[in-house]
N, C-alpha and C. Protein backbone atom coordinates (compact mmCIF):
# COMPACT_ATOMS: atom_id res chain seq x y z
N UNK A 1 109.46 74.49 61.57
CA UNK A 1 108.14 74.58 62.12
C UNK A 1 108.19 74.23 63.63
N UNK A 2 107.68 74.99 64.50
CA UNK A 2 107.68 74.75 65.90
C UNK A 2 106.50 73.88 66.25
N UNK A 3 106.80 72.63 66.74
CA UNK A 3 105.74 71.67 67.03
C UNK A 3 105.31 71.72 68.47
N UNK A 4 105.93 72.62 69.29
CA UNK A 4 105.58 72.66 70.70
C UNK A 4 104.09 73.15 70.84
N UNK A 5 103.40 72.35 71.61
CA UNK A 5 102.01 72.74 71.83
C UNK A 5 101.88 73.88 72.87
N UNK A 6 100.82 74.65 72.67
CA UNK A 6 100.59 75.73 73.68
C UNK A 6 100.18 75.15 75.00
N UNK A 7 100.67 75.68 76.03
CA UNK A 7 100.33 75.24 77.34
C UNK A 7 99.03 75.87 77.84
N UNK A 8 98.31 75.23 78.79
CA UNK A 8 97.02 75.88 79.22
C UNK A 8 97.16 77.28 79.79
N UNK A 9 98.35 77.64 80.27
CA UNK A 9 98.48 78.99 80.84
C UNK A 9 98.95 80.01 79.82
N UNK A 10 98.86 79.61 78.52
CA UNK A 10 99.29 80.53 77.50
C UNK A 10 98.12 81.46 77.04
N UNK A 11 97.00 81.40 77.71
CA UNK A 11 95.84 82.17 77.30
C UNK A 11 95.96 83.66 77.48
N UNK A 12 94.98 84.40 77.00
CA UNK A 12 95.03 85.85 77.03
C UNK A 12 95.10 86.35 78.51
N UNK A 13 94.38 85.68 79.39
CA UNK A 13 94.34 86.16 80.76
C UNK A 13 95.77 86.15 81.38
N UNK A 14 96.54 85.13 81.10
CA UNK A 14 97.87 85.02 81.64
C UNK A 14 98.84 85.96 80.95
N UNK A 15 98.75 86.02 79.65
CA UNK A 15 99.69 86.85 78.89
C UNK A 15 99.40 88.36 78.94
N UNK A 16 98.17 88.71 79.15
CA UNK A 16 97.78 90.11 79.07
C UNK A 16 96.80 90.41 80.26
N UNK A 17 97.26 90.19 81.51
CA UNK A 17 96.28 90.40 82.59
C UNK A 17 95.78 91.81 82.76
N UNK A 18 96.58 92.82 82.46
CA UNK A 18 96.14 94.15 82.65
C UNK A 18 95.04 94.55 81.60
N UNK A 19 95.14 94.01 80.39
CA UNK A 19 94.21 94.22 79.36
C UNK A 19 92.86 93.58 79.78
N UNK A 20 92.93 92.30 80.28
CA UNK A 20 91.75 91.62 80.75
C UNK A 20 91.10 92.42 81.91
N UNK A 21 91.89 92.91 82.83
CA UNK A 21 91.37 93.74 83.87
C UNK A 21 90.62 94.94 83.46
N UNK A 22 91.18 95.67 82.50
CA UNK A 22 90.60 96.86 82.03
C UNK A 22 89.30 96.54 81.23
N UNK A 23 89.32 95.56 80.39
CA UNK A 23 88.07 95.15 79.68
C UNK A 23 87.03 94.76 80.62
N UNK A 24 87.37 93.97 81.64
CA UNK A 24 86.35 93.54 82.66
C UNK A 24 85.75 94.76 83.39
N UNK A 25 86.61 95.73 83.71
CA UNK A 25 86.05 96.92 84.43
C UNK A 25 85.11 97.64 83.52
N UNK A 26 85.42 97.73 82.21
CA UNK A 26 84.62 98.53 81.25
C UNK A 26 83.31 97.80 80.95
N UNK A 27 83.35 96.45 80.88
CA UNK A 27 82.15 95.75 80.44
C UNK A 27 81.27 95.34 81.69
N UNK A 28 81.96 94.90 82.76
CA UNK A 28 81.13 94.38 83.94
C UNK A 28 80.93 95.45 84.96
N UNK A 29 81.79 96.44 85.04
CA UNK A 29 81.68 97.40 86.07
C UNK A 29 80.26 98.15 86.09
N UNK A 30 79.75 98.57 84.86
CA UNK A 30 78.46 99.24 84.91
C UNK A 30 77.34 98.34 85.38
N UNK A 31 77.39 97.00 85.10
CA UNK A 31 76.37 96.08 85.55
C UNK A 31 76.44 95.90 87.07
N UNK A 32 77.64 95.90 87.59
CA UNK A 32 77.82 95.78 89.07
C UNK A 32 77.34 97.04 89.77
N UNK A 33 77.56 98.20 89.20
CA UNK A 33 77.04 99.40 89.77
C UNK A 33 75.51 99.44 89.77
N UNK A 34 74.86 98.82 88.73
CA UNK A 34 73.44 98.74 88.68
C UNK A 34 72.94 97.88 89.81
N UNK A 35 73.59 96.75 90.19
CA UNK A 35 73.22 95.92 91.28
C UNK A 35 73.25 96.70 92.53
N UNK A 36 74.24 97.59 92.70
CA UNK A 36 74.35 98.39 93.94
C UNK A 36 73.05 99.22 94.12
N UNK A 37 72.49 99.71 93.05
CA UNK A 37 71.28 100.48 93.16
C UNK A 37 70.02 99.66 93.39
N UNK A 38 70.07 98.36 92.82
CA UNK A 38 68.95 97.50 93.00
C UNK A 38 68.91 96.89 94.45
N UNK A 39 70.07 96.75 95.04
CA UNK A 39 70.14 96.16 96.44
C UNK A 39 70.83 97.07 97.35
N UNK A 40 70.16 98.12 97.81
CA UNK A 40 70.86 99.14 98.57
C UNK A 40 71.08 98.71 100.05
N UNK A 41 70.43 97.57 100.48
CA UNK A 41 70.57 97.12 101.85
C UNK A 41 70.88 95.68 101.88
N UNK A 42 72.19 95.26 101.54
CA UNK A 42 72.53 93.87 101.48
C UNK A 42 72.54 93.23 102.83
N UNK A 43 71.89 92.07 102.91
CA UNK A 43 71.96 91.31 104.17
C UNK A 43 70.90 91.75 105.16
N UNK A 44 70.41 90.74 105.88
CA UNK A 44 69.47 90.98 106.99
C UNK A 44 69.76 89.98 108.05
N UNK A 45 70.62 90.27 109.01
CA UNK A 45 71.15 89.28 109.93
C UNK A 45 70.86 89.69 111.37
N UNK A 46 70.78 88.71 112.27
CA UNK A 46 70.59 88.95 113.68
C UNK A 46 71.75 88.29 114.41
N UNK A 47 71.85 88.48 115.74
CA UNK A 47 72.90 87.94 116.54
C UNK A 47 73.02 86.41 116.41
N UNK A 48 71.83 85.72 116.20
CA UNK A 48 71.91 84.27 116.11
C UNK A 48 72.63 83.80 114.83
N UNK A 49 72.80 84.78 113.89
CA UNK A 49 73.49 84.38 112.61
C UNK A 49 75.03 84.63 112.68
N UNK A 50 75.51 85.21 113.79
CA UNK A 50 76.93 85.50 113.89
C UNK A 50 77.75 84.22 113.79
N UNK A 51 78.74 84.25 112.99
CA UNK A 51 79.60 83.03 112.76
C UNK A 51 80.40 82.70 114.02
N UNK A 52 80.48 81.41 114.34
CA UNK A 52 81.32 81.00 115.48
C UNK A 52 82.79 81.24 115.29
N UNK A 53 83.25 81.27 114.02
CA UNK A 53 84.66 81.57 113.68
C UNK A 53 84.67 82.44 112.45
N UNK A 54 85.50 83.45 112.51
CA UNK A 54 85.63 84.39 111.41
C UNK A 54 87.06 84.44 111.02
N UNK A 55 87.33 84.03 109.75
CA UNK A 55 88.74 83.87 109.29
C UNK A 55 89.46 85.16 109.28
N UNK A 56 90.80 85.00 109.63
CA UNK A 56 91.75 86.12 109.41
C UNK A 56 92.24 86.04 107.96
N UNK A 57 92.58 87.11 107.40
CA UNK A 57 93.13 87.18 106.06
C UNK A 57 94.03 88.42 105.93
N UNK A 58 94.96 88.32 104.98
CA UNK A 58 95.86 89.45 104.72
C UNK A 58 97.14 89.31 105.55
N UNK A 59 98.11 90.10 105.12
CA UNK A 59 99.43 90.10 105.78
C UNK A 59 99.38 91.01 107.01
N UNK A 60 99.64 90.35 108.17
CA UNK A 60 99.53 91.08 109.43
C UNK A 60 100.62 92.13 109.59
N UNK A 61 100.35 93.28 110.13
CA UNK A 61 101.41 94.26 110.37
C UNK A 61 102.43 93.80 111.35
N UNK A 62 103.70 94.00 111.05
CA UNK A 62 104.78 93.59 112.05
C UNK A 62 105.83 94.63 112.21
N UNK A 63 105.50 95.83 111.88
CA UNK A 63 106.48 96.98 111.98
C UNK A 63 106.67 97.35 113.45
N UNK A 64 107.81 97.99 113.78
CA UNK A 64 108.11 98.43 115.07
C UNK A 64 107.04 99.45 115.43
N UNK A 65 106.65 100.31 114.50
CA UNK A 65 105.65 101.33 114.76
C UNK A 65 104.31 100.73 115.23
N UNK A 66 103.88 99.71 114.53
CA UNK A 66 102.62 99.08 114.93
C UNK A 66 102.68 98.46 116.30
N UNK A 67 103.78 97.70 116.52
CA UNK A 67 103.93 97.06 117.77
C UNK A 67 103.99 97.99 118.98
N UNK A 68 104.64 99.11 118.81
CA UNK A 68 104.66 100.15 119.80
C UNK A 68 103.29 100.72 120.12
N UNK A 69 102.54 100.94 119.03
CA UNK A 69 101.12 101.50 119.21
C UNK A 69 100.24 100.46 119.90
N UNK A 70 100.41 99.19 119.50
CA UNK A 70 99.62 98.13 120.14
C UNK A 70 99.99 98.00 121.61
N UNK A 71 101.22 98.14 121.94
CA UNK A 71 101.68 97.92 123.31
C UNK A 71 101.03 98.83 124.29
N UNK A 72 100.72 100.06 123.88
CA UNK A 72 100.11 101.05 124.77
C UNK A 72 98.61 101.24 124.50
N UNK A 73 98.00 100.15 123.92
CA UNK A 73 96.57 100.16 123.72
C UNK A 73 96.14 101.24 122.68
N UNK A 74 97.02 101.54 121.75
CA UNK A 74 96.81 102.49 120.63
C UNK A 74 96.47 103.94 121.10
N UNK A 75 96.96 104.23 122.32
CA UNK A 75 96.71 105.57 122.84
C UNK A 75 97.44 106.67 121.97
N UNK A 76 98.52 106.33 121.34
CA UNK A 76 99.28 107.22 120.47
C UNK A 76 98.89 107.18 119.02
N UNK A 77 98.02 106.20 118.67
CA UNK A 77 97.62 106.08 117.25
C UNK A 77 96.72 107.25 116.88
N UNK A 78 96.86 107.69 115.65
CA UNK A 78 96.03 108.76 115.15
C UNK A 78 95.54 108.39 113.74
N UNK A 79 94.28 108.65 113.48
CA UNK A 79 93.69 108.52 112.15
C UNK A 79 93.78 109.87 111.43
N UNK A 80 94.53 109.97 110.36
CA UNK A 80 94.65 111.17 109.66
C UNK A 80 93.67 111.13 108.43
N UNK A 81 92.81 112.17 108.30
CA UNK A 81 91.92 112.26 107.17
C UNK A 81 92.23 113.55 106.44
N UNK A 82 92.49 113.50 105.17
CA UNK A 82 93.10 114.60 104.44
C UNK A 82 92.73 114.51 102.98
N UNK A 83 93.27 115.38 102.14
CA UNK A 83 93.01 115.41 100.70
C UNK A 83 91.97 116.49 100.34
N UNK A 84 91.06 116.16 99.52
CA UNK A 84 90.07 117.09 99.04
C UNK A 84 88.85 117.24 99.99
N UNK A 85 89.22 117.83 101.15
CA UNK A 85 88.18 118.09 102.22
C UNK A 85 88.36 119.48 102.75
N UNK A 86 87.23 120.07 103.24
CA UNK A 86 87.32 121.38 103.89
C UNK A 86 88.07 121.36 105.20
N UNK A 87 87.87 120.30 105.94
CA UNK A 87 88.39 120.21 107.29
C UNK A 87 89.30 118.99 107.48
N UNK A 88 90.54 119.02 107.04
CA UNK A 88 91.46 117.96 107.35
C UNK A 88 91.53 117.69 108.86
N UNK A 89 91.51 116.47 109.21
CA UNK A 89 91.29 116.14 110.63
C UNK A 89 92.16 115.01 111.07
N UNK A 90 92.49 114.97 112.33
CA UNK A 90 93.15 113.76 112.96
C UNK A 90 92.31 113.36 114.18
N UNK A 91 92.12 112.01 114.31
CA UNK A 91 91.37 111.55 115.40
C UNK A 91 92.20 110.55 116.22
N UNK A 92 92.15 110.65 117.52
CA UNK A 92 92.63 109.55 118.34
C UNK A 92 91.49 108.51 118.44
N UNK A 93 91.88 107.37 118.97
CA UNK A 93 90.85 106.35 119.12
C UNK A 93 89.75 106.76 120.06
N UNK A 94 90.11 107.43 121.14
CA UNK A 94 89.10 107.89 122.12
C UNK A 94 88.22 108.99 121.44
N UNK A 95 88.81 109.79 120.59
CA UNK A 95 87.94 110.81 119.94
C UNK A 95 86.91 110.15 118.97
N UNK A 96 87.34 109.08 118.26
CA UNK A 96 86.42 108.36 117.45
C UNK A 96 85.30 107.74 118.30
N UNK A 97 85.68 107.25 119.44
CA UNK A 97 84.72 106.59 120.29
C UNK A 97 83.74 107.57 120.88
N UNK A 98 84.08 108.86 120.87
CA UNK A 98 83.18 109.90 121.42
C UNK A 98 82.14 110.31 120.39
N UNK A 99 82.30 109.88 119.19
CA UNK A 99 81.32 110.16 118.11
C UNK A 99 80.16 109.27 118.22
N UNK A 100 79.01 109.63 117.61
CA UNK A 100 77.77 108.70 117.70
C UNK A 100 78.16 107.27 117.25
N UNK A 101 77.67 106.35 118.08
CA UNK A 101 77.99 104.91 117.88
C UNK A 101 77.10 104.36 116.82
N UNK A 102 77.69 103.56 115.88
CA UNK A 102 76.97 102.89 114.85
C UNK A 102 77.23 101.42 114.90
N UNK A 103 76.19 100.60 114.75
CA UNK A 103 76.36 99.14 114.86
C UNK A 103 75.58 98.45 113.75
N UNK A 104 76.13 97.36 113.23
CA UNK A 104 75.45 96.62 112.17
C UNK A 104 75.94 95.14 112.26
N UNK A 105 74.98 94.24 111.87
CA UNK A 105 75.34 92.79 111.69
C UNK A 105 75.28 92.46 110.22
N UNK A 106 76.41 92.11 109.65
CA UNK A 106 76.46 91.95 108.19
C UNK A 106 77.33 90.76 107.82
N UNK A 107 77.21 90.36 106.59
CA UNK A 107 78.04 89.24 106.08
C UNK A 107 79.22 89.72 105.30
N UNK A 108 80.34 89.23 105.67
CA UNK A 108 81.66 89.51 105.00
C UNK A 108 81.79 88.48 103.92
N UNK A 109 82.04 88.87 102.66
CA UNK A 109 82.15 87.99 101.51
C UNK A 109 83.58 88.10 100.96
N UNK A 110 84.33 87.00 101.09
CA UNK A 110 85.68 86.98 100.63
C UNK A 110 85.70 86.54 99.18
N UNK A 111 86.55 87.19 98.33
CA UNK A 111 86.64 86.82 96.99
C UNK A 111 87.20 85.45 96.79
N UNK A 112 87.83 84.83 97.86
CA UNK A 112 88.37 83.46 97.82
C UNK A 112 87.24 82.46 97.94
N UNK A 113 86.01 82.90 98.33
CA UNK A 113 84.90 81.96 98.34
C UNK A 113 84.29 81.72 99.67
N UNK A 114 84.88 82.25 100.78
CA UNK A 114 84.29 81.97 102.12
C UNK A 114 83.56 83.20 102.54
N UNK A 115 82.71 83.09 103.60
CA UNK A 115 81.95 84.24 104.10
C UNK A 115 81.80 84.02 105.60
N UNK A 116 81.45 85.09 106.29
CA UNK A 116 81.15 85.04 107.70
C UNK A 116 80.33 86.19 108.12
N UNK A 117 79.54 86.03 109.16
CA UNK A 117 78.67 87.08 109.70
C UNK A 117 79.21 87.53 111.04
N UNK A 118 79.26 88.87 111.20
CA UNK A 118 79.72 89.42 112.44
C UNK A 118 78.99 90.76 112.76
N UNK A 119 79.07 91.10 114.04
CA UNK A 119 78.46 92.40 114.47
C UNK A 119 79.66 93.42 114.52
N UNK A 120 79.51 94.54 113.85
CA UNK A 120 80.53 95.58 113.86
C UNK A 120 80.02 96.77 114.57
N UNK A 121 80.92 97.43 115.29
CA UNK A 121 80.57 98.66 116.01
C UNK A 121 81.58 99.71 115.80
N UNK A 122 81.17 100.98 115.67
CA UNK A 122 82.14 102.05 115.48
C UNK A 122 81.42 103.32 115.01
N UNK A 123 81.94 103.89 113.97
CA UNK A 123 81.45 105.19 113.52
C UNK A 123 80.98 105.11 112.04
N UNK A 124 79.81 105.61 111.76
CA UNK A 124 79.34 105.66 110.39
C UNK A 124 80.21 106.59 109.57
N UNK A 125 80.48 106.15 108.28
CA UNK A 125 81.23 107.03 107.42
C UNK A 125 80.48 108.33 107.15
N UNK A 126 79.15 108.28 107.25
CA UNK A 126 78.42 109.50 107.05
C UNK A 126 78.76 110.57 108.11
N UNK A 127 78.97 110.08 109.36
CA UNK A 127 79.43 110.96 110.41
C UNK A 127 80.75 111.60 110.06
N UNK A 128 81.70 110.84 109.55
CA UNK A 128 82.97 111.37 109.15
C UNK A 128 82.86 112.33 108.03
N UNK A 129 81.96 112.07 106.99
CA UNK A 129 81.76 112.97 105.95
C UNK A 129 81.26 114.30 106.45
N UNK A 130 80.32 114.25 107.40
CA UNK A 130 79.75 115.49 107.94
C UNK A 130 80.82 116.35 108.65
N UNK A 131 81.81 115.72 109.22
CA UNK A 131 82.85 116.52 109.93
C UNK A 131 83.87 117.04 108.96
N UNK A 132 84.42 116.25 108.03
CA UNK A 132 85.50 116.71 107.14
C UNK A 132 85.03 117.48 105.93
N UNK A 133 83.78 117.27 105.54
CA UNK A 133 83.17 117.99 104.44
C UNK A 133 83.94 117.87 103.12
N UNK A 134 83.80 116.75 102.40
CA UNK A 134 84.51 116.58 101.14
C UNK A 134 84.17 117.73 100.12
N UNK A 135 85.16 118.14 99.37
CA UNK A 135 84.97 119.09 98.33
C UNK A 135 84.26 118.46 97.11
N UNK A 136 83.54 119.30 96.32
CA UNK A 136 82.79 118.72 95.20
C UNK A 136 83.69 117.86 94.22
N UNK A 137 84.97 118.21 94.12
CA UNK A 137 85.82 117.43 93.17
C UNK A 137 86.30 116.08 93.75
N UNK A 138 86.01 115.82 95.02
CA UNK A 138 86.38 114.52 95.59
C UNK A 138 85.40 113.46 95.11
N UNK A 139 85.90 112.48 94.38
CA UNK A 139 85.04 111.41 93.82
C UNK A 139 85.43 110.06 94.37
N UNK A 140 86.64 109.90 94.94
CA UNK A 140 87.11 108.60 95.47
C UNK A 140 87.71 108.79 96.83
N UNK A 141 87.72 107.73 97.63
CA UNK A 141 88.26 107.75 98.96
C UNK A 141 89.24 106.59 99.12
N UNK A 142 90.48 106.88 99.48
CA UNK A 142 91.49 105.90 99.68
C UNK A 142 91.72 105.66 101.15
N UNK A 143 91.84 104.34 101.54
CA UNK A 143 92.10 103.89 102.86
C UNK A 143 93.44 103.28 102.93
N UNK A 144 94.33 103.77 103.81
CA UNK A 144 95.69 103.30 103.88
C UNK A 144 95.85 102.44 105.18
N UNK A 145 96.54 101.29 105.06
CA UNK A 145 96.74 100.36 106.14
C UNK A 145 98.16 100.53 106.76
N UNK A 146 98.24 100.12 108.02
CA UNK A 146 99.58 99.92 108.61
C UNK A 146 100.16 98.58 108.21
N UNK A 147 99.37 97.72 107.58
CA UNK A 147 99.80 96.43 107.12
C UNK A 147 100.41 96.57 105.68
N UNK A 148 101.18 95.57 105.30
CA UNK A 148 101.77 95.57 103.94
C UNK A 148 100.99 94.63 103.06
N UNK A 149 101.14 94.85 101.77
CA UNK A 149 100.58 93.97 100.79
C UNK A 149 101.46 92.69 100.71
N UNK A 150 100.96 91.70 99.95
CA UNK A 150 101.60 90.42 99.92
C UNK A 150 103.01 90.44 99.49
N UNK A 151 103.39 91.39 98.58
CA UNK A 151 104.77 91.48 98.03
C UNK A 151 105.45 92.73 98.53
N UNK A 152 104.92 93.30 99.56
CA UNK A 152 105.55 94.53 100.18
C UNK A 152 104.91 95.79 99.70
N UNK A 153 105.16 96.87 100.35
CA UNK A 153 104.48 98.11 100.04
C UNK A 153 103.20 98.31 100.84
N UNK A 154 102.74 99.52 101.03
CA UNK A 154 101.59 99.75 101.86
C UNK A 154 100.33 99.21 101.24
N UNK A 155 99.54 98.51 101.96
CA UNK A 155 98.25 98.00 101.49
C UNK A 155 97.24 99.19 101.54
N UNK A 156 96.51 99.36 100.46
CA UNK A 156 95.46 100.41 100.39
C UNK A 156 94.43 99.93 99.48
N UNK A 157 93.29 100.65 99.58
CA UNK A 157 92.21 100.41 98.60
C UNK A 157 91.38 101.66 98.44
N UNK A 158 90.78 101.81 97.29
CA UNK A 158 90.00 103.03 97.02
C UNK A 158 88.52 102.65 96.71
N UNK A 159 87.64 103.50 97.24
CA UNK A 159 86.21 103.33 97.12
C UNK A 159 85.57 104.55 96.53
N UNK A 160 84.46 104.38 95.78
CA UNK A 160 83.77 105.59 95.26
C UNK A 160 83.14 106.32 96.37
N UNK A 161 83.20 107.63 96.39
CA UNK A 161 82.71 108.40 97.44
C UNK A 161 81.21 108.22 97.65
N UNK A 162 80.51 107.89 96.59
CA UNK A 162 79.06 107.64 96.74
C UNK A 162 78.72 106.56 97.74
N UNK A 163 79.61 105.52 97.79
CA UNK A 163 79.38 104.42 98.75
C UNK A 163 79.62 104.77 100.19
N UNK A 164 80.33 105.92 100.39
CA UNK A 164 80.67 106.33 101.78
C UNK A 164 79.52 106.81 102.57
N UNK A 165 78.46 107.23 101.84
CA UNK A 165 77.25 107.64 102.57
C UNK A 165 76.22 106.55 102.70
N UNK A 166 76.53 105.38 102.26
CA UNK A 166 75.62 104.24 102.35
C UNK A 166 75.49 103.94 103.86
N UNK A 167 74.31 103.53 104.29
CA UNK A 167 74.07 103.34 105.72
C UNK A 167 74.82 102.14 106.33
N UNK A 168 75.44 101.28 105.47
CA UNK A 168 76.18 100.13 106.00
C UNK A 168 77.68 100.31 105.69
N UNK A 169 78.13 101.56 105.51
CA UNK A 169 79.57 101.82 105.43
C UNK A 169 80.06 102.55 106.65
N UNK A 170 81.07 101.99 107.27
CA UNK A 170 81.46 102.46 108.61
C UNK A 170 82.94 102.16 108.87
N UNK A 171 83.45 102.87 109.91
CA UNK A 171 84.75 102.58 110.45
C UNK A 171 84.53 101.80 111.75
N UNK A 172 85.02 100.55 111.82
CA UNK A 172 84.69 99.69 112.94
C UNK A 172 85.87 99.60 113.87
N UNK A 173 85.70 99.72 115.21
CA UNK A 173 86.70 99.46 116.18
C UNK A 173 86.20 98.36 117.15
N UNK A 174 85.00 97.90 116.95
CA UNK A 174 84.53 96.76 117.75
C UNK A 174 84.06 95.68 116.79
N UNK A 175 84.19 94.40 117.22
CA UNK A 175 83.72 93.24 116.50
C UNK A 175 83.08 92.31 117.53
N UNK A 176 81.76 91.99 117.35
CA UNK A 176 80.98 91.14 118.21
C UNK A 176 81.16 91.64 119.67
N UNK A 177 80.94 92.95 119.91
CA UNK A 177 80.95 93.59 121.18
C UNK A 177 82.26 93.59 121.89
N UNK A 178 83.38 93.34 121.18
CA UNK A 178 84.71 93.44 121.77
C UNK A 178 85.59 94.26 120.92
N UNK A 179 86.64 94.91 121.45
CA UNK A 179 87.55 95.67 120.60
C UNK A 179 88.12 94.76 119.52
N UNK A 180 88.40 95.34 118.38
CA UNK A 180 89.00 94.57 117.29
C UNK A 180 90.32 93.89 117.77
N UNK A 181 90.50 92.72 117.34
CA UNK A 181 91.77 91.99 117.63
C UNK A 181 92.83 92.35 116.58
N UNK A 182 94.06 91.92 116.84
CA UNK A 182 95.16 92.11 115.92
C UNK A 182 94.84 91.55 114.55
N UNK A 183 94.37 90.31 114.54
CA UNK A 183 94.10 89.71 113.22
C UNK A 183 92.94 90.30 112.40
N UNK A 184 92.00 90.95 113.10
CA UNK A 184 90.86 91.48 112.44
C UNK A 184 90.96 93.00 112.22
N UNK A 185 92.12 93.59 112.50
CA UNK A 185 92.29 94.96 111.99
C UNK A 185 92.53 96.04 113.06
N UNK A 186 92.80 95.69 114.31
CA UNK A 186 92.92 96.70 115.38
C UNK A 186 93.95 97.77 114.94
N UNK A 187 93.67 98.99 115.27
CA UNK A 187 92.52 99.47 116.07
C UNK A 187 91.30 99.81 115.23
N UNK A 188 91.38 99.88 113.92
CA UNK A 188 90.31 100.35 113.10
C UNK A 188 90.31 99.71 111.72
N UNK A 189 89.13 99.39 111.25
CA UNK A 189 89.03 98.83 109.91
C UNK A 189 87.77 99.35 109.19
N UNK A 190 87.76 99.24 107.88
CA UNK A 190 86.62 99.66 107.11
C UNK A 190 85.61 98.54 106.95
N UNK A 191 84.37 98.92 106.99
CA UNK A 191 83.32 98.04 106.56
C UNK A 191 82.47 98.75 105.49
N UNK A 192 82.56 98.34 104.24
CA UNK A 192 81.74 98.82 103.13
C UNK A 192 81.02 97.57 102.61
N UNK A 193 79.76 97.41 103.03
CA UNK A 193 79.06 96.13 102.74
C UNK A 193 78.65 96.00 101.24
N UNK A 194 78.99 96.99 100.46
CA UNK A 194 78.73 96.84 99.01
C UNK A 194 79.97 96.23 98.31
N UNK A 195 80.96 95.89 99.07
CA UNK A 195 82.25 95.45 98.49
C UNK A 195 82.74 94.14 99.08
N UNK A 196 83.59 93.41 98.32
CA UNK A 196 84.18 92.17 98.80
C UNK A 196 85.24 92.45 99.90
N UNK A 197 85.66 91.32 100.55
CA UNK A 197 86.47 91.41 101.70
C UNK A 197 87.86 92.11 101.55
N UNK A 198 88.47 91.86 100.39
CA UNK A 198 89.83 92.42 100.22
C UNK A 198 89.85 93.95 100.13
N UNK A 199 88.65 94.53 99.96
CA UNK A 199 88.58 95.97 99.95
C UNK A 199 88.23 96.57 101.32
N UNK A 200 88.07 95.72 102.28
CA UNK A 200 87.73 96.16 103.69
C UNK A 200 89.09 96.39 104.42
N UNK A 201 89.67 97.50 104.14
CA UNK A 201 91.03 97.72 104.67
C UNK A 201 91.10 97.66 106.16
N UNK A 202 92.06 96.93 106.67
CA UNK A 202 92.28 96.72 108.13
C UNK A 202 93.50 97.58 108.58
N UNK A 203 93.58 97.78 109.94
CA UNK A 203 94.75 98.48 110.53
C UNK A 203 94.91 99.88 109.93
N UNK A 204 93.78 100.58 109.76
CA UNK A 204 93.76 101.86 109.06
C UNK A 204 94.58 102.89 109.75
N UNK A 205 95.36 103.67 108.98
CA UNK A 205 96.14 104.79 109.52
C UNK A 205 95.78 106.10 108.83
N UNK A 206 95.19 106.07 107.66
CA UNK A 206 94.92 107.30 106.95
C UNK A 206 93.80 107.12 105.97
N UNK A 207 93.11 108.21 105.72
CA UNK A 207 92.00 108.24 104.71
C UNK A 207 92.19 109.47 103.89
N UNK A 208 92.23 109.29 102.58
CA UNK A 208 92.55 110.44 101.68
C UNK A 208 91.39 110.56 100.64
N UNK A 209 90.93 111.75 100.49
CA UNK A 209 89.86 112.02 99.49
C UNK A 209 90.51 112.55 98.20
N UNK A 210 90.13 111.92 97.09
CA UNK A 210 90.80 112.08 95.81
C UNK A 210 89.88 112.48 94.68
N UNK A 211 90.40 113.12 93.66
CA UNK A 211 89.66 113.33 92.46
C UNK A 211 89.53 112.07 91.67
N UNK A 212 90.61 111.25 91.67
CA UNK A 212 90.62 110.06 90.87
C UNK A 212 91.64 109.06 91.45
N UNK A 213 91.33 107.77 91.45
CA UNK A 213 92.17 106.75 92.02
C UNK A 213 93.51 106.64 91.28
N UNK A 214 93.62 107.10 90.05
CA UNK A 214 94.84 106.97 89.31
C UNK A 214 95.97 107.80 89.87
N UNK A 215 95.65 108.71 90.84
CA UNK A 215 96.70 109.53 91.48
C UNK A 215 97.62 108.81 92.42
N UNK A 216 97.25 107.55 92.90
CA UNK A 216 98.02 106.90 93.86
C UNK A 216 98.33 105.52 93.45
N UNK A 217 99.37 104.91 94.07
CA UNK A 217 99.81 103.58 93.74
C UNK A 217 100.20 103.50 92.24
N UNK A 218 99.80 102.36 91.71
CA UNK A 218 100.05 102.18 90.25
C UNK A 218 98.86 102.68 89.37
N UNK A 219 97.89 103.22 90.11
CA UNK A 219 96.77 103.86 89.39
C UNK A 219 95.61 103.07 89.06
N UNK A 220 95.48 101.86 89.70
CA UNK A 220 94.34 100.94 89.32
C UNK A 220 93.29 100.82 90.43
N UNK A 221 93.44 101.51 91.55
CA UNK A 221 92.40 101.58 92.52
C UNK A 221 92.59 100.77 93.78
N UNK A 222 93.83 100.20 93.95
CA UNK A 222 94.06 99.41 95.21
C UNK A 222 95.31 98.55 95.04
N UNK A 223 95.72 98.02 96.18
CA UNK A 223 96.94 97.17 96.10
C UNK A 223 96.70 95.89 95.29
N UNK A 224 95.54 95.23 95.53
CA UNK A 224 95.27 94.00 94.77
C UNK A 224 94.95 94.33 93.31
N UNK A 225 94.38 95.42 93.04
CA UNK A 225 94.19 95.89 91.66
C UNK A 225 95.48 96.17 91.00
N UNK A 226 96.43 96.79 91.73
CA UNK A 226 97.75 97.11 91.14
C UNK A 226 98.57 95.85 90.87
N UNK A 227 98.56 94.94 91.88
CA UNK A 227 99.55 93.83 91.87
C UNK A 227 98.93 92.47 91.47
N UNK A 228 97.67 92.29 91.66
CA UNK A 228 97.04 91.00 91.35
C UNK A 228 96.02 91.08 90.25
N UNK A 229 95.79 92.31 89.75
CA UNK A 229 94.93 92.52 88.55
C UNK A 229 93.47 92.24 88.96
N UNK A 230 93.08 92.42 90.18
CA UNK A 230 91.71 92.28 90.62
C UNK A 230 90.94 93.43 89.95
N UNK A 231 89.68 93.11 89.66
CA UNK A 231 88.78 94.14 89.12
C UNK A 231 88.52 95.17 90.14
N UNK A 232 88.37 96.40 89.73
CA UNK A 232 88.06 97.53 90.66
C UNK A 232 86.58 97.51 91.18
N UNK A 233 85.63 97.09 90.37
CA UNK A 233 84.29 96.94 90.78
C UNK A 233 84.06 95.57 91.37
N UNK A 234 84.05 95.42 92.67
CA UNK A 234 83.89 94.10 93.27
C UNK A 234 82.73 94.18 94.21
N UNK A 235 81.60 94.54 93.69
CA UNK A 235 80.42 94.74 94.49
C UNK A 235 79.74 93.39 94.87
N UNK A 236 79.06 93.37 96.04
CA UNK A 236 78.36 92.09 96.45
C UNK A 236 77.08 91.95 95.64
């Protein structure tokens, strides 16, 4: 008879993290989507609410490609938008800046427990949708980073296409009236205020419209979902 006692980390969550992730998505996901509908305009902030310090998070890009782009002020950087769209498009940073300007002051909520308020400026995702014209079968949108995930591999995250037309979903190139810094995602980052911080992809290089998130990565909807078993529905 084995008299060894079970250790605290022998629970179901540790032994079967993918099962727990899937059950959580199935049981909690619908409730979180309901909250999205009940609170379509999260946050009501002004410039006096802007945080004096806003934490950096995530693994910073350190590739030769990124450093070369940064060195010339991202003049050679291009945002590629492709997949299930009528008009696949590439934008330079100047071309994005020529589009109608969108600005919002919102609260960033990190899944680690901290938050911060900032003013974001850039392009509404609705403007992007109007240009690329997603096909009817496009249900999800993947954002790809020039940064890597914690254990290597491209960092990415996937969002439901319905959230892309929300009035607080945007591509930001300014933060607090200044161009994005290296730590905060230069030259471009996502702001989807219905989601937690780890889903706000920084250092964006590409956006892909998909029929389903299972088509990319390990099929769970993002780098953290693939590697850290985070839940896919992480709404505020």
